[in-house]
Structures are given as structure tokens and as C-alpha cells.
N, C-alpha and C. Protein backbone atom coordinates (compact mmCIF):
# COMPACT_ATOMS: atom_id res chain seq x y z
N MET A 1 101.91 -38.05 59.49
CA MET A 1 102.47 -37.00 60.32
C MET A 1 102.39 -37.44 61.77
N ASN A 2 103.30 -38.27 62.17
CA ASN A 2 103.32 -38.81 63.51
C ASN A 2 104.30 -38.01 64.35
N LEU A 3 103.80 -37.36 65.41
CA LEU A 3 104.66 -36.54 66.25
C LEU A 3 105.43 -37.38 67.26
N LYS A 4 104.99 -38.57 67.53
CA LYS A 4 105.65 -39.42 68.50
C LYS A 4 106.84 -40.12 67.85
N GLY A 5 107.87 -40.38 68.66
CA GLY A 5 109.03 -41.08 68.16
C GLY A 5 108.82 -42.58 68.19
N LYS A 6 109.90 -43.30 67.90
CA LYS A 6 109.80 -44.76 67.93
C LYS A 6 109.73 -45.23 69.39
N GLU A 7 109.09 -46.37 69.57
CA GLU A 7 108.97 -46.94 70.90
C GLU A 7 110.34 -47.36 71.41
N ILE A 8 110.54 -47.21 72.70
CA ILE A 8 111.80 -47.60 73.32
C ILE A 8 111.80 -49.12 73.46
N THR A 9 112.84 -49.76 72.92
CA THR A 9 112.91 -51.22 72.94
C THR A 9 113.25 -51.72 74.34
N PRO A 10 112.94 -52.99 74.62
CA PRO A 10 113.31 -53.56 75.92
C PRO A 10 114.82 -53.51 76.18
N GLU A 11 115.63 -53.66 75.12
CA GLU A 11 117.08 -53.58 75.29
C GLU A 11 117.49 -52.18 75.74
N GLU A 12 116.88 -51.16 75.11
CA GLU A 12 117.18 -49.78 75.50
C GLU A 12 116.75 -49.54 76.95
N ARG A 13 115.61 -50.09 77.33
CA ARG A 13 115.12 -49.94 78.70
C ARG A 13 116.12 -50.52 79.70
N LYS A 14 116.67 -51.68 79.36
CA LYS A 14 117.66 -52.31 80.26
C LYS A 14 118.91 -51.46 80.37
N ILE A 15 119.34 -50.87 79.25
CA ILE A 15 120.51 -50.00 79.27
C ILE A 15 120.24 -48.76 80.12
N ILE A 16 119.04 -48.20 79.97
CA ILE A 16 118.67 -47.01 80.75
C ILE A 16 118.72 -47.34 82.25
N LEU A 17 118.15 -48.48 82.62
CA LEU A 17 118.13 -48.87 84.04
C LEU A 17 119.54 -49.13 84.56
N LYS A 18 120.39 -49.70 83.71
CA LYS A 18 121.78 -49.97 84.10
C LYS A 18 122.50 -48.66 84.40
N PHE A 19 122.35 -47.66 83.51
CA PHE A 19 123.00 -46.38 83.72
C PHE A 19 122.42 -45.66 84.94
N LYS A 20 121.13 -45.80 85.16
CA LYS A 20 120.51 -45.16 86.33
C LYS A 20 121.06 -45.77 87.62
N ASN A 21 121.25 -47.09 87.62
CA ASN A 21 121.82 -47.75 88.80
C ASN A 21 123.27 -47.34 89.02
N GLU A 22 123.97 -46.95 87.95
CA GLU A 22 125.34 -46.48 88.07
C GLU A 22 125.40 -45.04 88.59
N GLY A 23 124.25 -44.38 88.67
CA GLY A 23 124.20 -43.03 89.24
C GLY A 23 124.23 -41.91 88.22
N LYS A 24 124.06 -42.22 86.95
CA LYS A 24 124.05 -41.16 85.94
C LYS A 24 122.73 -40.39 86.00
N THR A 25 122.77 -39.12 85.57
CA THR A 25 121.56 -38.29 85.57
C THR A 25 120.70 -38.65 84.36
N LEU A 26 119.46 -38.18 84.40
CA LEU A 26 118.53 -38.46 83.30
C LEU A 26 119.05 -37.86 81.99
N ARG A 27 119.58 -36.66 82.06
CA ARG A 27 120.07 -36.01 80.83
C ARG A 27 121.31 -36.72 80.28
N GLU A 28 122.18 -37.19 81.15
CA GLU A 28 123.35 -37.94 80.69
C GLU A 28 122.92 -39.24 80.00
N ILE A 29 121.98 -39.93 80.62
CA ILE A 29 121.48 -41.17 80.02
C ILE A 29 120.81 -40.87 78.68
N GLY A 30 120.05 -39.78 78.64
CA GLY A 30 119.37 -39.40 77.41
C GLY A 30 120.34 -39.13 76.27
N LYS A 31 121.46 -38.48 76.57
CA LYS A 31 122.46 -38.21 75.53
C LYS A 31 123.11 -39.50 75.05
N ILE A 32 123.35 -40.43 75.96
CA ILE A 32 123.97 -41.70 75.59
C ILE A 32 123.03 -42.53 74.70
N VAL A 33 121.78 -42.60 75.11
CA VAL A 33 120.81 -43.46 74.42
C VAL A 33 120.18 -42.76 73.21
N GLY A 34 120.21 -41.43 73.22
CA GLY A 34 119.61 -40.68 72.11
C GLY A 34 118.11 -40.46 72.31
N ARG A 35 117.71 -40.27 73.55
CA ARG A 35 116.31 -40.02 73.92
C ARG A 35 116.25 -38.80 74.82
N THR A 36 115.05 -38.25 74.97
CA THR A 36 114.89 -37.09 75.85
C THR A 36 114.91 -37.54 77.31
N HIS A 37 115.22 -36.60 78.20
CA HIS A 37 115.27 -36.94 79.62
C HIS A 37 113.89 -37.32 80.14
N SER A 38 112.82 -36.76 79.54
CA SER A 38 111.47 -37.13 79.99
C SER A 38 111.14 -38.57 79.60
N SER A 39 111.65 -39.03 78.47
CA SER A 39 111.46 -40.44 78.08
C SER A 39 112.19 -41.36 79.04
N ILE A 40 113.39 -40.94 79.44
CA ILE A 40 114.19 -41.72 80.39
C ILE A 40 113.43 -41.81 81.72
N GLN A 41 112.89 -40.67 82.16
CA GLN A 41 112.14 -40.63 83.42
C GLN A 41 110.92 -41.55 83.35
N ARG A 42 110.23 -41.57 82.22
CA ARG A 42 109.05 -42.42 82.05
C ARG A 42 109.43 -43.89 82.15
N VAL A 43 110.55 -44.27 81.53
CA VAL A 43 111.01 -45.67 81.59
C VAL A 43 111.31 -46.05 83.04
N ILE A 44 111.98 -45.17 83.75
CA ILE A 44 112.34 -45.46 85.14
C ILE A 44 111.09 -45.56 86.01
N ASN A 45 110.16 -44.64 85.83
CA ASN A 45 108.91 -44.67 86.61
C ASN A 45 108.10 -45.93 86.31
N ASN A 46 108.02 -46.30 85.03
CA ASN A 46 107.29 -47.51 84.68
C ASN A 46 107.95 -48.75 85.29
N TYR A 47 109.27 -48.77 85.32
CA TYR A 47 109.97 -49.92 85.89
C TYR A 47 109.74 -50.00 87.40
N THR A 48 109.80 -48.85 88.07
CA THR A 48 109.62 -48.88 89.52
C THR A 48 108.20 -49.28 89.90
N SER A 49 107.22 -48.97 89.05
CA SER A 49 105.84 -49.33 89.39
C SER A 49 105.51 -50.78 89.00
N SER A 50 106.06 -51.27 87.89
CA SER A 50 105.69 -52.61 87.43
C SER A 50 106.81 -53.64 87.54
N LYS A 51 108.04 -53.20 87.81
CA LYS A 51 109.22 -54.09 87.89
C LYS A 51 109.42 -54.90 86.61
N SER A 52 109.06 -54.29 85.47
CA SER A 52 109.21 -54.97 84.19
C SER A 52 109.70 -53.97 83.16
N THR A 53 110.54 -54.45 82.22
CA THR A 53 111.02 -53.57 81.16
C THR A 53 110.13 -53.63 79.92
N ILE A 54 109.10 -54.46 79.96
CA ILE A 54 108.18 -54.58 78.83
C ILE A 54 107.15 -53.44 78.91
N SER A 55 106.89 -52.78 77.80
CA SER A 55 105.95 -51.66 77.82
C SER A 55 104.52 -52.17 77.97
N LYS A 56 103.70 -51.35 78.61
CA LYS A 56 102.30 -51.71 78.82
C LYS A 56 101.53 -51.54 77.52
N PRO A 57 100.48 -52.33 77.31
CA PRO A 57 99.68 -52.14 76.09
C PRO A 57 98.90 -50.84 76.15
N CYS A 58 98.63 -50.26 75.00
CA CYS A 58 97.85 -49.02 74.94
C CYS A 58 96.43 -49.32 75.37
N SER A 59 95.84 -48.38 76.09
CA SER A 59 94.47 -48.58 76.53
C SER A 59 93.52 -47.89 75.55
N GLY A 60 92.35 -48.44 75.41
CA GLY A 60 91.35 -47.83 74.55
C GLY A 60 91.45 -48.29 73.11
N ARG A 61 90.42 -47.94 72.38
CA ARG A 61 90.35 -48.30 70.98
C ARG A 61 91.17 -47.33 70.15
N PRO A 62 91.95 -47.82 69.21
CA PRO A 62 92.73 -46.91 68.37
C PRO A 62 91.81 -46.08 67.46
N SER A 63 92.20 -44.87 67.20
CA SER A 63 91.41 -43.99 66.35
C SER A 63 91.49 -44.45 64.91
N LYS A 64 90.36 -44.35 64.21
CA LYS A 64 90.35 -44.74 62.80
C LYS A 64 90.96 -43.65 61.92
N LEU A 65 90.87 -42.39 62.39
CA LEU A 65 91.41 -41.27 61.62
C LEU A 65 92.62 -40.69 62.33
N THR A 66 93.58 -40.25 61.54
CA THR A 66 94.72 -39.53 62.11
C THR A 66 94.28 -38.10 62.39
N GLY A 67 95.10 -37.37 63.12
CA GLY A 67 94.79 -35.97 63.41
C GLY A 67 94.64 -35.16 62.14
N ARG A 68 95.47 -35.45 61.17
CA ARG A 68 95.40 -34.72 59.90
C ARG A 68 94.10 -35.00 59.17
N GLU A 69 93.67 -36.26 59.18
CA GLU A 69 92.42 -36.63 58.52
C GLU A 69 91.22 -35.99 59.24
N LYS A 70 91.27 -35.94 60.56
CA LYS A 70 90.18 -35.29 61.31
C LYS A 70 90.08 -33.82 60.96
N ARG A 71 91.22 -33.13 60.87
CA ARG A 71 91.20 -31.71 60.51
C ARG A 71 90.64 -31.52 59.10
N TYR A 72 91.01 -32.42 58.18
CA TYR A 72 90.53 -32.32 56.81
C TYR A 72 89.01 -32.45 56.76
N VAL A 73 88.48 -33.44 57.47
CA VAL A 73 87.03 -33.66 57.49
C VAL A 73 86.34 -32.45 58.11
N PHE A 74 86.86 -31.96 59.22
CA PHE A 74 86.25 -30.82 59.89
C PHE A 74 86.26 -29.58 58.99
N ASN A 75 87.41 -29.33 58.35
CA ASN A 75 87.52 -28.14 57.51
C ASN A 75 86.71 -28.26 56.23
N SER A 76 86.37 -29.47 55.79
CA SER A 76 85.60 -29.63 54.55
C SER A 76 84.09 -29.51 54.80
N LEU A 77 83.66 -29.49 56.07
CA LEU A 77 82.25 -29.33 56.37
C LEU A 77 81.81 -27.90 56.09
N PRO A 78 80.58 -27.74 55.60
CA PRO A 78 80.09 -26.38 55.42
C PRO A 78 79.90 -25.70 56.79
N LEU A 79 80.11 -24.41 56.82
CA LEU A 79 80.05 -23.67 58.08
C LEU A 79 78.67 -23.77 58.72
N THR A 80 77.61 -23.81 57.92
CA THR A 80 76.26 -23.87 58.49
C THR A 80 76.05 -25.15 59.28
N SER A 81 76.64 -26.25 58.81
CA SER A 81 76.52 -27.52 59.53
C SER A 81 77.21 -27.43 60.88
N ILE A 82 78.37 -26.81 60.89
CA ILE A 82 79.12 -26.66 62.14
C ILE A 82 78.33 -25.80 63.11
N LEU A 83 77.79 -24.69 62.62
CA LEU A 83 77.03 -23.80 63.49
C LEU A 83 75.77 -24.46 64.00
N ARG A 84 75.11 -25.28 63.17
CA ARG A 84 73.90 -25.98 63.59
C ARG A 84 74.22 -26.93 64.73
N ASN A 85 75.32 -27.67 64.60
CA ASN A 85 75.72 -28.60 65.66
C ASN A 85 76.10 -27.83 66.93
N PHE A 86 76.75 -26.70 66.76
CA PHE A 86 77.14 -25.90 67.91
C PHE A 86 75.91 -25.39 68.65
N SER A 87 74.92 -24.91 67.90
CA SER A 87 73.71 -24.40 68.56
C SER A 87 72.98 -25.53 69.28
N TYR A 88 73.01 -26.75 68.72
CA TYR A 88 72.39 -27.89 69.39
C TYR A 88 73.08 -28.15 70.72
N LEU A 89 74.42 -28.08 70.75
CA LEU A 89 75.16 -28.29 71.99
C LEU A 89 74.84 -27.21 73.02
N VAL A 90 74.72 -25.96 72.55
CA VAL A 90 74.38 -24.86 73.46
C VAL A 90 72.99 -25.09 74.05
N ASP A 91 72.02 -25.49 73.21
CA ASP A 91 70.67 -25.78 73.70
C ASP A 91 70.70 -26.89 74.74
N GLU A 92 71.51 -27.91 74.50
CA GLU A 92 71.60 -29.04 75.42
C GLU A 92 72.17 -28.60 76.76
N VAL A 93 73.19 -27.73 76.75
CA VAL A 93 73.78 -27.23 77.98
C VAL A 93 72.77 -26.42 78.76
N ILE A 94 72.02 -25.56 78.07
CA ILE A 94 71.01 -24.74 78.74
C ILE A 94 69.95 -25.63 79.36
N LEU A 95 69.50 -26.65 78.63
CA LEU A 95 68.50 -27.58 79.14
C LEU A 95 69.03 -28.30 80.39
N ASN A 96 70.29 -28.75 80.34
CA ASN A 96 70.88 -29.44 81.49
C ASN A 96 70.96 -28.52 82.70
N GLU A 97 71.27 -27.23 82.48
CA GLU A 97 71.32 -26.28 83.59
C GLU A 97 69.94 -26.08 84.19
N GLU A 98 68.90 -26.04 83.35
CA GLU A 98 67.53 -25.90 83.86
C GLU A 98 67.13 -27.12 84.68
N ILE A 99 67.49 -28.30 84.22
CA ILE A 99 67.17 -29.53 84.95
C ILE A 99 67.90 -29.52 86.29
N LEU A 100 69.15 -29.08 86.30
CA LEU A 100 69.93 -29.03 87.53
C LEU A 100 69.30 -28.05 88.52
N ASP A 101 68.89 -26.86 88.03
CA ASP A 101 68.25 -25.89 88.91
C ASP A 101 66.96 -26.44 89.49
N ASN A 102 66.14 -27.12 88.67
CA ASN A 102 64.89 -27.71 89.16
C ASN A 102 65.18 -28.79 90.20
N SER A 103 66.21 -29.59 89.98
CA SER A 103 66.57 -30.64 90.93
C SER A 103 66.99 -30.04 92.26
N LYS A 104 67.78 -28.97 92.22
CA LYS A 104 68.20 -28.31 93.45
C LYS A 104 67.00 -27.77 94.21
N GLN A 105 66.03 -27.20 93.49
CA GLN A 105 64.83 -26.66 94.12
C GLN A 105 64.02 -27.79 94.76
N MET A 106 63.92 -28.93 94.07
CA MET A 106 63.16 -30.06 94.61
C MET A 106 63.82 -30.59 95.88
N ILE A 107 65.13 -30.64 95.91
CA ILE A 107 65.86 -31.10 97.10
C ILE A 107 65.63 -30.14 98.26
N ALA A 108 65.70 -28.85 97.98
CA ALA A 108 65.48 -27.85 99.03
C ALA A 108 64.06 -27.98 99.59
N ASP A 109 63.07 -28.16 98.71
CA ASP A 109 61.68 -28.33 99.15
C ASP A 109 61.53 -29.58 100.00
N SER A 110 62.18 -30.66 99.62
CA SER A 110 62.10 -31.92 100.37
C SER A 110 62.70 -31.75 101.76
N LYS A 111 63.81 -31.02 101.86
CA LYS A 111 64.43 -30.79 103.15
C LYS A 111 63.51 -29.99 104.07
N LYS A 112 62.82 -29.01 103.50
CA LYS A 112 61.88 -28.21 104.29
C LYS A 112 60.76 -29.09 104.83
N ILE A 113 60.23 -29.96 103.99
CA ILE A 113 59.14 -30.85 104.40
C ILE A 113 59.62 -31.79 105.49
N LEU A 114 60.84 -32.33 105.34
CA LEU A 114 61.39 -33.24 106.35
C LEU A 114 61.57 -32.53 107.70
N LYS A 115 62.02 -31.29 107.68
CA LYS A 115 62.20 -30.55 108.91
C LYS A 115 60.88 -30.32 109.62
N ARG A 116 59.82 -30.03 108.84
CA ARG A 116 58.49 -29.82 109.43
C ARG A 116 57.96 -31.09 110.08
N THR A 117 58.21 -32.24 109.46
CA THR A 117 57.67 -33.50 109.98
C THR A 117 58.45 -33.98 111.20
N GLU A 118 59.71 -33.55 111.36
CA GLU A 118 60.52 -33.97 112.50
C GLU A 118 60.06 -33.32 113.80
N HIS A 119 59.54 -32.11 113.71
CA HIS A 119 59.16 -31.37 114.93
C HIS A 119 57.81 -31.71 115.38
């Protein structure tokens, strides 16, 4: 279940740039090439930034699971496991907030001490 379309080929990119140089609008080019105007805009922006019609490599590690597989795994977990993990995250957030409050108090105390020593 892939929501993304096929990658735009370098030949298509050259055609898009040719039509753009001729003064056609993004929507007109999109109808000619069979792509959305936002895809046309992305090709033009990528070309103006890199001066190349070759697409950039994807950044980051590819996911091992598809979105559908992730949903299946999540939905097959027992609810108690999900709630246990959620409560752990809530505890961690509360702990981080307490550490932040203590740090702010320590900084304020240090500033007071510095002001006293300056005078």
C-alpha cells in the first residue's frame, strides 16, 4: 500500500524544465506530463538549488516495516502492554520536568550568590 507515485525520471525532469522555460504554468506542465503541479514545483525548486536533473538520494535508514505492518503490530499488542508503556513515558516526562525545575532553582541560587560576591 504505497501512497507515493512513481519517481519522476530524468527525461521527465528535462521536459518539465523545457516547458517551464517556455513560460507554461505549473498546472499546464502537470497536465502535459501527467503529474501534479506540486510535483512540477518540486522538480523546478530542486533544479534551481542543485542545477541538476538527477534526484537526490533519500536520507536516513529505510524503515524495515511498512505503515501497514506497523499498524498490524501495534493493534496486535495487548492493551495492558500499551498502557504500561504509556505510563512509563508519563513518569519519564514528570521526572524530566522535576529535573528542569531543580536546575532552574540552582541557576537562580547561583545568580544570587554571584551578585552578593560582586558587591
